[in-house]
Amino acid sequence: MDQCACPRDASGQIRRPKDQLALVGCEKRRKGKTVTVITGLDPVASGLGAILSKLKSACAAGGTISEGRIEIQGEHRQRVVAILLDLGYPSKQAGG
């Protein structure tokens, strides 16, 4: 078990992608800018940096990790949900 490379959360428990539900929503920012926000992923077990990189290149937009959630500039909910499903993360759109 010590040599297991399974993704683990901060407490050491195994957190596989299929066990993390990603919620994908949009927020309005100042000056009317829209940001796609992904929440529900474990920041330690998920490798948010790698996911962010894939999402930024697929959406051709900027993005960041803030407070344990991924933010992508623009409205890309449907595309982000499809990419997360391909990566093995169950995901759904949140909000209207």
PDB file of N, CA and C in Angstrom:
ATOM      1  N   MET A   1       0.816  -1.188   0.000  1.00  0.00           N
ATOM      2  CA  MET A   1       0.000   0.000   0.000  1.00  0.00           C
ATOM      3  C   MET A   1       0.867   1.263   0.000  1.00  0.00           C
ATOM      4  N   ASP A   2       2.077   1.189   0.529  1.00  0.00           N
ATOM      5  CA  ASP A   2       2.950   2.355   0.567  1.00  0.00           C
ATOM      6  C   ASP A   2       3.380   2.788  -0.831  1.00  0.00           C
ATOM      7  N   GLN A   3       3.440   1.857  -1.771  1.00  0.00           N
ATOM      8  CA  GLN A   3       3.884   2.169  -3.125  1.00  0.00           C
ATOM      9  C   GLN A   3       2.728   2.528  -4.051  1.00  0.00           C
ATOM     10  N   CYS A   4       1.527   2.579  -3.545  1.00  0.00           N
ATOM     11  CA  CYS A   4       0.354   2.912  -4.345  1.00  0.00           C
ATOM     12  C   CYS A   4       0.435   4.363  -4.804  1.00  0.00           C
ATOM     13  N   ALA A   5       0.174   4.597  -6.074  1.00  0.00           N
ATOM     14  CA  ALA A   5       0.245   5.948  -6.641  1.00  0.00           C
ATOM     15  C   ALA A   5      -1.138   6.546  -6.866  1.00  0.00           C
ATOM     16  N   CYS A   6      -2.144   6.017  -6.179  1.00  0.00           N
ATOM     17  CA  CYS A   6      -3.504   6.538  -6.321  1.00  0.00           C
ATOM     18  C   CYS A   6      -3.565   7.972  -5.804  1.00  0.00           C
ATOM     19  N   PRO A   7      -4.390   8.824  -6.427  1.00  0.00           N
ATOM     20  CA  PRO A   7      -4.497  10.196  -5.937  1.00  0.00           C
ATOM     21  C   PRO A   7      -5.125  10.230  -4.549  1.00  0.00           C
ATOM     22  N   ARG A   8      -4.539  11.025  -3.669  1.00  0.00           N
ATOM     23  CA  ARG A   8      -5.010  11.105  -2.288  1.00  0.00           C
ATOM     24  C   ARG A   8      -5.282  12.559  -1.911  1.00  0.00           C
ATOM     25  N   ASP A   9      -6.233  12.735  -0.992  1.00  0.00           N
ATOM     26  CA  ASP A   9      -6.518  14.082  -0.506  1.00  0.00           C
ATOM     27  C   ASP A   9      -5.536  14.441   0.608  1.00  0.00           C
ATOM     28  N   ALA A  10      -5.735  15.583   1.240  1.00  0.00           N
ATOM     29  CA  ALA A  10      -4.808  16.056   2.265  1.00  0.00           C
ATOM     30  C   ALA A  10      -4.736  15.134   3.474  1.00  0.00           C
ATOM     31  N   SER A  11      -5.821  14.413   3.776  1.00  0.00           N
ATOM     32  CA  SER A  11      -5.817  13.513   4.932  1.00  0.00           C
ATOM     33  C   SER A  11      -5.257  12.131   4.602  1.00  0.00           C
ATOM     34  N   GLY A  12      -4.917  11.870   3.348  1.00  0.00           N
ATOM     35  CA  GLY A  12      -4.345  10.597   2.952  1.00  0.00           C
ATOM     36  C   GLY A  12      -5.342   9.600   2.401  1.00  0.00           C
ATOM     37  N   GLN A  13      -6.614   9.961   2.375  1.00  0.00           N
ATOM     38  CA  GLN A  13      -7.642   9.075   1.826  1.00  0.00           C
ATOM     39  C   GLN A  13      -7.583   9.085   0.296  1.00  0.00           C
ATOM     40  N   ILE A  14      -7.848   7.950  -0.319  1.00  0.00           N
ATOM     41  CA  ILE A  14      -7.844   7.842  -1.778  1.00  0.00           C
ATOM     42  C   ILE A  14      -9.048   8.585  -2.348  1.00  0.00           C
ATOM     43  N   ARG A  15      -8.820   9.477  -3.325  1.00  0.00           N
ATOM     44  CA  ARG A  15      -9.885  10.247  -3.984  1.00  0.00           C
ATOM     45  C   ARG A  15      -9.709  10.095  -5.488  1.00  0.00           C
ATOM     46  N   ARG A  16     -10.371   9.131  -6.069  1.00  0.00           N
ATOM     47  CA  ARG A  16     -10.300   8.923  -7.507  1.00  0.00           C
ATOM     48  C   ARG A  16     -11.157   9.957  -8.227  1.00  0.00           C
ATOM     49  N   PRO A  17     -10.863  10.222  -9.490  1.00  0.00           N
ATOM     50  CA  PRO A  17     -11.666  11.200 -10.234  1.00  0.00           C
ATOM     51  C   PRO A  17     -13.149  10.866 -10.255  1.00  0.00           C
ATOM     52  N   LYS A  18     -13.506   9.595 -10.352  1.00  0.00           N
ATOM     53  CA  LYS A  18     -14.918   9.244 -10.443  1.00  0.00           C
ATOM     54  C   LYS A  18     -15.671   9.491  -9.134  1.00  0.00           C
ATOM     55  N   ASP A  19     -14.940   9.740  -8.031  1.00  0.00           N
ATOM     56  CA  ASP A  19     -15.562  10.004  -6.739  1.00  0.00           C
ATOM     57  C   ASP A  19     -15.735  11.499  -6.452  1.00  0.00           C
ATOM     58  N   GLN A  20     -15.347  12.351  -7.404  1.00  0.00           N
ATOM     59  CA  GLN A  20     -15.413  13.795  -7.201  1.00  0.00           C
ATOM     60  C   GLN A  20     -16.391  14.399  -8.206  1.00  0.00           C
ATOM     61  N   LEU A  21     -17.470  14.979  -7.731  1.00  0.00           N
ATOM     62  CA  LEU A  21     -18.445  15.611  -8.611  1.00  0.00           C
ATOM     63  C   LEU A  21     -18.037  17.061  -8.852  1.00  0.00           C
ATOM     64  N   ALA A  22     -17.800  17.401 -10.101  1.00  0.00           N
ATOM     65  CA  ALA A  22     -17.423  18.762 -10.467  1.00  0.00           C
ATOM     66  C   ALA A  22     -18.669  19.538 -10.865  1.00  0.00           C
ATOM     67  N   LEU A  23     -18.872  20.686 -10.249  1.00  0.00           N
ATOM     68  CA  LEU A  23     -19.972  21.577 -10.599  1.00  0.00           C
ATOM     69  C   LEU A  23     -19.408  22.723 -11.425  1.00  0.00           C
ATOM     70  N   VAL A  24     -19.993  22.956 -12.589  1.00  0.00           N
ATOM     71  CA  VAL A  24     -19.506  23.968 -13.514  1.00  0.00           C
ATOM     72  C   VAL A  24     -20.565  25.051 -13.637  1.00  0.00           C
ATOM     73  N   GLY A  25     -20.219  26.248 -13.229  1.00  0.00           N
ATOM     74  CA  GLY A  25     -21.159  27.362 -13.289  1.00  0.00           C
ATOM     75  C   GLY A  25     -20.492  28.605 -13.844  1.00  0.00           C
ATOM     76  N   CYS A  26     -21.272  29.674 -13.950  1.00  0.00           N
ATOM     77  CA  CYS A  26     -20.747  30.951 -14.438  1.00  0.00           C
ATOM     78  C   CYS A  26     -21.040  32.037 -13.421  1.00  0.00           C
ATOM     79  N   GLU A  27     -20.142  33.014 -13.366  1.00  0.00           N
ATOM     80  CA  GLU A  27     -20.306  34.178 -12.513  1.00  0.00           C
ATOM     81  C   GLU A  27     -20.065  35.432 -13.334  1.00  0.00           C
ATOM     82  N   LYS A  28     -20.791  36.468 -13.009  1.00  0.00           N
ATOM     83  CA  LYS A  28     -20.555  37.773 -13.617  1.00  0.00           C
ATOM     84  C   LYS A  28     -19.564  38.521 -12.743  1.00  0.00           C
ATOM     85  N   ARG A  29     -18.598  39.129 -13.366  1.00  0.00           N
ATOM     86  CA  ARG A  29     -17.604  39.926 -12.660  1.00  0.00           C
ATOM     87  C   ARG A  29     -17.804  41.396 -12.979  1.00  0.00           C
ATOM     88  N   ARG A  30     -16.927  42.204 -12.483  1.00  0.00           N
ATOM     89  CA  ARG A  30     -17.036  43.637 -12.720  1.00  0.00           C
ATOM     90  C   ARG A  30     -16.972  43.938 -14.214  1.00  0.00           C
ATOM     91  N   LYS A  31     -17.589  44.988 -14.597  1.00  0.00           N
ATOM     92  CA  LYS A  31     -17.660  45.425 -15.994  1.00  0.00           C
ATOM     93  C   LYS A  31     -18.329  44.392 -16.893  1.00  0.00           C
ATOM     94  N   GLY A  32     -19.163  43.518 -16.328  1.00  0.00           N
ATOM     95  CA  GLY A  32     -19.937  42.571 -17.121  1.00  0.00           C
ATOM     96  C   GLY A  32     -19.187  41.369 -17.652  1.00  0.00           C
ATOM     97  N   LYS A  33     -17.985  41.132 -17.185  1.00  0.00           N
ATOM     98  CA  LYS A  33     -17.202  39.980 -17.650  1.00  0.00           C
ATOM     99  C   LYS A  33     -17.758  38.691 -17.048  1.00  0.00           C
ATOM    100  N   THR A  34     -17.778  37.623 -17.837  1.00  0.00           N
ATOM    101  CA  THR A  34     -18.262  36.321 -17.395  1.00  0.00           C
ATOM    102  C   THR A  34     -17.080  35.391 -17.159  1.00  0.00           C
ATOM    103  N   VAL A  35     -17.163  34.602 -16.089  1.00  0.00           N
ATOM    104  CA  VAL A  35     -16.118  33.644 -15.740  1.00  0.00           C
ATOM    105  C   VAL A  35     -16.774  32.297 -15.495  1.00  0.00           C
ATOM    106  N   THR A  36     -16.237  31.235 -16.087  1.00  0.00           N
ATOM    107  CA  THR A  36     -16.692  29.872 -15.832  1.00  0.00           C
ATOM    108  C   THR A  36     -15.943  29.345 -14.614  1.00  0.00           C
ATOM    109  N   VAL A  37     -16.683  28.827 -13.630  1.00  0.00           N
ATOM    110  CA  VAL A  37     -16.099  28.404 -12.358  1.00  0.00           C
ATOM    111  C   VAL A  37     -16.355  26.916 -12.157  1.00  0.00           C
ATOM    112  N   ILE A  38     -15.291  26.162 -11.827  1.00  0.00           N
ATOM    113  CA  ILE A  38     -15.392  24.733 -11.559  1.00  0.00           C
ATOM    114  C   ILE A  38     -15.106  24.503 -10.082  1.00  0.00           C
ATOM    115  N   THR A  39     -16.068  23.939  -9.361  1.00  0.00           N
ATOM    116  CA  THR A  39     -15.903  23.645  -7.944  1.00  0.00           C
ATOM    117  C   THR A  39     -16.163  22.162  -7.703  1.00  0.00           C
ATOM    118  N   GLY A  40     -15.803  21.697  -6.517  1.00  0.00           N
ATOM    119  CA  GLY A  40     -16.081  20.315  -6.134  1.00  0.00           C
ATOM    120  C   GLY A  40     -14.922  19.365  -6.332  1.00  0.00           C
ATOM    121  N   LEU A  41     -13.836  19.820  -6.932  1.00  0.00           N
ATOM    122  CA  LEU A  41     -12.668  18.966  -7.119  1.00  0.00           C
ATOM    123  C   LEU A  41     -11.736  19.118  -5.931  1.00  0.00           C
ATOM    124  N   ASP A  42     -11.159  18.024  -5.473  1.00  0.00           N
ATOM    125  CA  ASP A  42     -10.215  18.066  -4.369  1.00  0.00           C
ATOM    126  C   ASP A  42      -8.913  18.697  -4.870  1.00  0.00           C
ATOM    127  N   PRO A  43      -8.456  19.795  -4.258  1.00  0.00           N
ATOM    128  CA  PRO A  43      -7.264  20.481  -4.764  1.00  0.00           C
ATOM    129  C   PRO A  43      -5.988  19.661  -4.643  1.00  0.00           C
ATOM    130  N   VAL A  44      -5.917  18.734  -3.700  1.00  0.00           N
ATOM    131  CA  VAL A  44      -4.704  17.940  -3.522  1.00  0.00           C
ATOM    132  C   VAL A  44      -4.717  16.724  -4.442  1.00  0.00           C
ATOM    133  N   ALA A  45      -5.825  16.013  -4.494  1.00  0.00           N
ATOM    134  CA  ALA A  45      -5.890  14.750  -5.239  1.00  0.00           C
ATOM    135  C   ALA A  45      -6.090  14.940  -6.733  1.00  0.00           C
ATOM    136  N   SER A  46      -6.588  16.083  -7.160  1.00  0.00           N
ATOM    137  CA  SER A  46      -6.971  16.251  -8.562  1.00  0.00           C
ATOM    138  C   SER A  46      -5.864  16.749  -9.461  1.00  0.00           C
ATOM    139  N   GLY A  47      -4.900  17.441  -8.944  1.00  0.00           N
ATOM    140  CA  GLY A  47      -3.906  18.057  -9.808  1.00  0.00           C
ATOM    141  C   GLY A  47      -4.544  19.199 -10.589  1.00  0.00           C
ATOM    142  N   LEU A  48      -5.044  20.190  -9.876  1.00  0.00           N
ATOM    143  CA  LEU A  48      -5.796  21.275 -10.508  1.00  0.00           C
ATOM    144  C   LEU A  48      -4.983  21.999 -11.574  1.00  0.00           C
ATOM    145  N   GLY A  49      -3.681  22.079 -11.400  1.00  0.00           N
ATOM    146  CA  GLY A  49      -2.838  22.759 -12.384  1.00  0.00           C
ATOM    147  C   GLY A  49      -2.889  22.096 -13.748  1.00  0.00           C
ATOM    148  N   ALA A  50      -2.846  20.771 -13.774  1.00  0.00           N
ATOM    149  CA  ALA A  50      -2.905  20.047 -15.046  1.00  0.00           C
ATOM    150  C   ALA A  50      -4.281  20.181 -15.692  1.00  0.00           C
ATOM    151  N   ILE A  51      -5.333  20.126 -14.880  1.00  0.00           N
ATOM    152  CA  ILE A  51      -6.691  20.291 -15.410  1.00  0.00           C
ATOM    153  C   ILE A  51      -6.856  21.704 -15.964  1.00  0.00           C
ATOM    154  N   LEU A  52      -6.363  22.700 -15.240  1.00  0.00           N
ATOM    155  CA  LEU A  52      -6.443  24.082 -15.693  1.00  0.00           C
ATOM    156  C   LEU A  52      -5.752  24.250 -17.033  1.00  0.00           C
ATOM    157  N   SER A  53      -4.592  23.670 -17.179  1.00  0.00           N
ATOM    158  CA  SER A  53      -3.847  23.777 -18.431  1.00  0.00           C
ATOM    159  C   SER A  53      -4.630  23.199 -19.607  1.00  0.00           C
ATOM    160  N   LYS A  54      -5.241  22.042 -19.419  1.00  0.00           N
ATOM    161  CA  LYS A  54      -6.042  21.428 -20.484  1.00  0.00           C
ATOM    162  C   LYS A  54      -7.256  22.273 -20.831  1.00  0.00           C
ATOM    163  N   LEU A  55      -7.918  22.815 -19.813  1.00  0.00           N
ATOM    164  CA  LEU A  55      -9.112  23.626 -20.050  1.00  0.00           C
ATOM    165  C   LEU A  55      -8.764  24.930 -20.763  1.00  0.00           C
ATOM    166  N   LYS A  56      -7.662  25.555 -20.360  1.00  0.00           N
ATOM    167  CA  LYS A  56      -7.264  26.808 -20.999  1.00  0.00           C
ATOM    168  C   LYS A  56      -6.954  26.614 -22.477  1.00  0.00           C
ATOM    169  N   SER A  57      -6.263  25.538 -22.809  1.00  0.00           N
ATOM    170  CA  SER A  57      -5.933  25.311 -24.217  1.00  0.00           C
ATOM    171  C   SER A  57      -7.165  24.909 -25.017  1.00  0.00           C
ATOM    172  N   ALA A  58      -8.061  24.134 -24.428  1.00  0.00           N
ATOM    173  CA  ALA A  58      -9.265  23.706 -25.147  1.00  0.00           C
ATOM    174  C   ALA A  58     -10.244  24.862 -25.365  1.00  0.00           C
ATOM    175  N   CYS A  59     -10.306  25.774 -24.411  1.00  0.00           N
ATOM    176  CA  CYS A  59     -11.238  26.903 -24.509  1.00  0.00           C
ATOM    177  C   CYS A  59     -10.595  28.138 -25.134  1.00  0.00           C
ATOM    178  N   ALA A  60      -9.295  28.103 -25.361  1.00  0.00           N
ATOM    179  CA  ALA A  60      -8.554  29.248 -25.897  1.00  0.00           C
ATOM    180  C   ALA A  60      -8.834  30.493 -25.066  1.00  0.00           C
ATOM    181  N   ALA A  61      -8.692  30.327 -23.742  1.00  0.00           N
ATOM    182  CA  ALA A  61      -8.977  31.422 -22.820  1.00  0.00           C
ATOM    183  C   ALA A  61      -7.993  31.364 -21.659  1.00  0.00           C
ATOM    184  N   GLY A  62      -7.918  32.454 -20.923  1.00  0.00           N
ATOM    185  CA  GLY A  62      -7.089  32.504 -19.732  1.00  0.00           C
ATOM    186  C   GLY A  62      -7.819  31.880 -18.565  1.00  0.00           C
ATOM    187  N   GLY A  63      -7.079  31.629 -17.504  1.00  0.00           N
ATOM    188  CA  GLY A  63      -7.703  31.056 -16.327  1.00  0.00           C
ATOM    189  C   GLY A  63      -6.750  31.031 -15.158  1.00  0.00           C
ATOM    190  N   THR A  64      -7.289  30.681 -13.994  1.00  0.00           N
ATOM    191  CA  THR A  64      -6.491  30.634 -12.781  1.00  0.00           C
ATOM    192  C   THR A  64      -7.127  29.666 -11.782  1.00  0.00           C
ATOM    193  N   ILE A  65      -6.367  29.375 -10.734  1.00  0.00           N
ATOM    194  CA  ILE A  65      -6.878  28.609  -9.606  1.00  0.00           C
ATOM    195  C   ILE A  65      -6.986  29.583  -8.447  1.00  0.00           C
ATOM    196  N   SER A  66      -8.176  29.717  -7.895  1.00  0.00           N
ATOM    197  CA  SER A  66      -8.407  30.658  -6.820  1.00  0.00           C
ATOM    198  C   SER A  66      -9.268  30.004  -5.745  1.00  0.00           C
ATOM    199  N   GLU A  67      -8.768  29.974  -4.522  1.00  0.00           N
ATOM    200  CA  GLU A  67      -9.497  29.424  -3.385  1.00  0.00           C
ATOM    201  C   GLU A  67      -9.951  27.983  -3.617  1.00  0.00           C
ATOM    202  N   GLY A  68      -9.111  27.173  -4.244  1.00  0.00           N
ATOM    203  CA  GLY A  68      -9.426  25.772  -4.470  1.00  0.00           C
ATOM    204  C   GLY A  68     -10.397  25.501  -5.595  1.00  0.00           C
ATOM    205  N   ARG A  69     -10.661  26.493  -6.434  1.00  0.00           N
ATOM    206  CA  ARG A  69     -11.546  26.283  -7.575  1.00  0.00           C
ATOM    207  C   ARG A  69     -10.880  26.823  -8.833  1.00  0.00           C
ATOM    208  N   ILE A  70     -11.288  26.284  -9.969  1.00  0.00           N
ATOM    209  CA  ILE A  70     -10.724  26.687 -11.257  1.00  0.00           C
ATOM    210  C   ILE A  70     -11.625  27.742 -11.876  1.00  0.00           C
ATOM    211  N   GLU A  71     -11.012  28.797 -12.406  1.00  0.00           N
ATOM    212  CA  GLU A  71     -11.758  29.855 -13.080  1.00  0.00           C
ATOM    213  C   GLU A  71     -11.210  30.010 -14.494  1.00  0.00           C
ATOM    214  N   ILE A  72     -12.106  29.979 -15.483  1.00  0.00           N
ATOM    215  CA  ILE A  72     -11.757  30.154 -16.887  1.00  0.00           C
ATOM    216  C   ILE A  72     -12.478  31.402 -17.391  1.00  0.00           C
ATOM    217  N   GLN A  73     -11.779  32.265 -18.077  1.00  0.00           N
ATOM    218  CA  GLN A  73     -12.387  33.489 -18.587  1.00  0.00           C
ATOM    219  C   GLN A  73     -13.381  33.168 -19.699  1.00  0.00           C
ATOM    220  N   GLY A  74     -14.563  33.740 -19.606  1.00  0.00           N
ATOM    221  CA  GLY A  74     -15.590  33.543 -20.621  1.00  0.00           C
ATOM    222  C   GLY A  74     -16.609  32.496 -20.205  1.00  0.00           C
ATOM    223  N   GLU A  75     -17.619  32.302 -21.065  1.00  0.00           N
ATOM    224  CA  GLU A  75     -18.699  31.351 -20.802  1.00  0.00           C
ATOM    225  C   GLU A  75     -18.435  30.073 -21.578  1.00  0.00           C
ATOM    226  N   HIS A  76     -17.936  29.041 -20.895  1.00  0.00           N
ATOM    227  CA  HIS A  76     -17.535  27.785 -21.546  1.00  0.00           C
ATOM    228  C   HIS A  76     -18.103  26.575 -20.819  1.00  0.00           C
ATOM    229  N   ARG A  77     -19.275  26.699 -20.218  1.00  0.00           N
ATOM    230  CA  ARG A  77     -19.804  25.609 -19.382  1.00  0.00           C
ATOM    231  C   ARG A  77     -19.910  24.284 -20.121  1.00  0.00           C
ATOM    232  N   GLN A  78     -20.540  24.272 -21.290  1.00  0.00           N
ATOM    233  CA  GLN A  78     -20.752  23.008 -22.001  1.00  0.00           C
ATOM    234  C   GLN A  78     -19.436  22.362 -22.400  1.00  0.00           C
ATOM    235  N   ARG A  79     -18.507  23.149 -22.880  1.00  0.00           N
ATOM    236  CA  ARG A  79     -17.210  22.617 -23.297  1.00  0.00           C
ATOM    237  C   ARG A  79     -16.448  22.065 -22.094  1.00  0.00           C
ATOM    238  N   VAL A  80     -16.471  22.773 -20.967  1.00  0.00           N
ATOM    239  CA  VAL A  80     -15.758  22.338 -19.770  1.00  0.00           C
ATOM    240  C   VAL A  80     -16.361  21.046 -19.229  1.00  0.00           C
ATOM    241  N   VAL A  81     -17.671  20.922 -19.212  1.00  0.00           N
ATOM    242  CA  VAL A  81     -18.319  19.693 -18.746  1.00  0.00           C
ATOM    243  C   VAL A  81     -17.882  18.515 -19.614  1.00  0.00           C
ATOM    244  N   ALA A  82     -17.848  18.701 -20.925  1.00  0.00           N
ATOM    245  CA  ALA A  82     -17.435  17.622 -21.829  1.00  0.00           C
ATOM    246  C   ALA A  82     -15.981  17.212 -21.585  1.00  0.00           C
ATOM    247  N   ILE A  83     -15.105  18.174 -21.370  1.00  0.00           N
ATOM    248  CA  ILE A  83     -13.689  17.873 -21.132  1.00  0.00           C
ATOM    249  C   ILE A  83     -13.514  17.142 -19.804  1.00  0.00           C
ATOM    250  N   LEU A  84     -14.208  17.599 -18.757  1.00  0.00           N
ATOM    251  CA  LEU A  84     -14.098  16.931 -17.465  1.00  0.00           C
ATOM    252  C   LEU A  84     -14.627  15.503 -17.521  1.00  0.00           C
ATOM    253  N   LEU A  85     -15.702  15.270 -18.275  1.00  0.00           N
ATOM    254  CA  LEU A  85     -16.209  13.908 -18.443  1.00  0.00           C
ATOM    255  C   LEU A  85     -15.181  13.035 -19.148  1.00  0.00           C
ATOM    256  N   ASP A  86     -14.483  13.584 -20.146  1.00  0.00           N
ATOM    257  CA  ASP A  86     -13.433  12.834 -20.834  1.00  0.00           C
ATOM    258  C   ASP A  86     -12.277  12.488 -19.898  1.00  0.00           C
ATOM    259  N   LEU A  87     -12.012  13.368 -18.927  1.00  0.00           N
ATOM    260  CA  LEU A  87     -10.934  13.129 -17.974  1.00  0.00           C
ATOM    261  C   LEU A  87     -11.345  12.171 -16.855  1.00  0.00           C
ATOM    262  N   GLY A  88     -12.621  11.783 -16.804  1.00  0.00           N
ATOM    263  CA  GLY A  88     -13.083  10.833 -15.805  1.00  0.00           C
ATOM    264  C   GLY A  88     -13.764  11.455 -14.608  1.00  0.00           C
ATOM    265  N   TYR A  89     -13.974  12.766 -14.630  1.00  0.00           N
ATOM    266  CA  TYR A  89     -14.648  13.451 -13.519  1.00  0.00           C
ATOM    267  C   TYR A  89     -16.124  13.595 -13.839  1.00  0.00           C
ATOM    268  N   PRO A  90     -17.021  13.017 -13.017  1.00  0.00           N
ATOM    269  CA  PRO A  90     -18.439  13.273 -13.240  1.00  0.00           C
ATOM    270  C   PRO A  90     -18.688  14.756 -13.022  1.00  0.00           C
ATOM    271  N   SER A  91     -19.424  15.382 -13.939  1.00  0.00           N
ATOM    272  CA  SER A  91     -19.631  16.817 -13.827  1.00  0.00           C
ATOM    273  C   SER A  91     -20.987  17.188 -14.368  1.00  0.00           C
ATOM    274  N   LYS A  92     -21.485  18.317 -13.906  1.00  0.00           N
ATOM    275  CA  LYS A  92     -22.748  18.818 -14.392  1.00  0.00           C
ATOM    276  C   LYS A  92     -22.751  20.329 -14.295  1.00  0.00           C
ATOM    277  N   GLN A  93     -23.617  20.940 -15.097  1.00  0.00           N
ATOM    278  CA  GLN A  93     -23.746  22.387 -15.087  1.00  0.00           C
ATOM    279  C   GLN A  93     -24.530  22.821 -13.867  1.00  0.00           C
ATOM    280  N   ALA A  94     -24.078  23.876 -13.244  1.00  0.00           N
ATOM    281  CA  ALA A  94     -24.758  24.443 -12.089  1.00  0.00           C
ATOM    282  C   ALA A  94     -25.251  25.836 -12.465  1.00  0.00           C
ATOM    283  N   GLY A  95     -26.380  26.215 -11.937  1.00  0.00           N
ATOM    284  CA  GLY A  95     -26.919  27.537 -12.235  1.00  0.00           C
ATOM    285  C   GLY A  95     -27.698  27.545 -13.527  1.00  0.00           C
ATOM    286  N   GLY A  96     -28.113  28.753 -13.935  1.00  0.00           N
ATOM    287  CA  GLY A  96     -28.968  28.861 -15.117  1.00  0.00           C
ATOM    288  C   GLY A  96     -28.312  29.166 -16.318  1.00  0.00           C
TER     289      GLY A  96
END
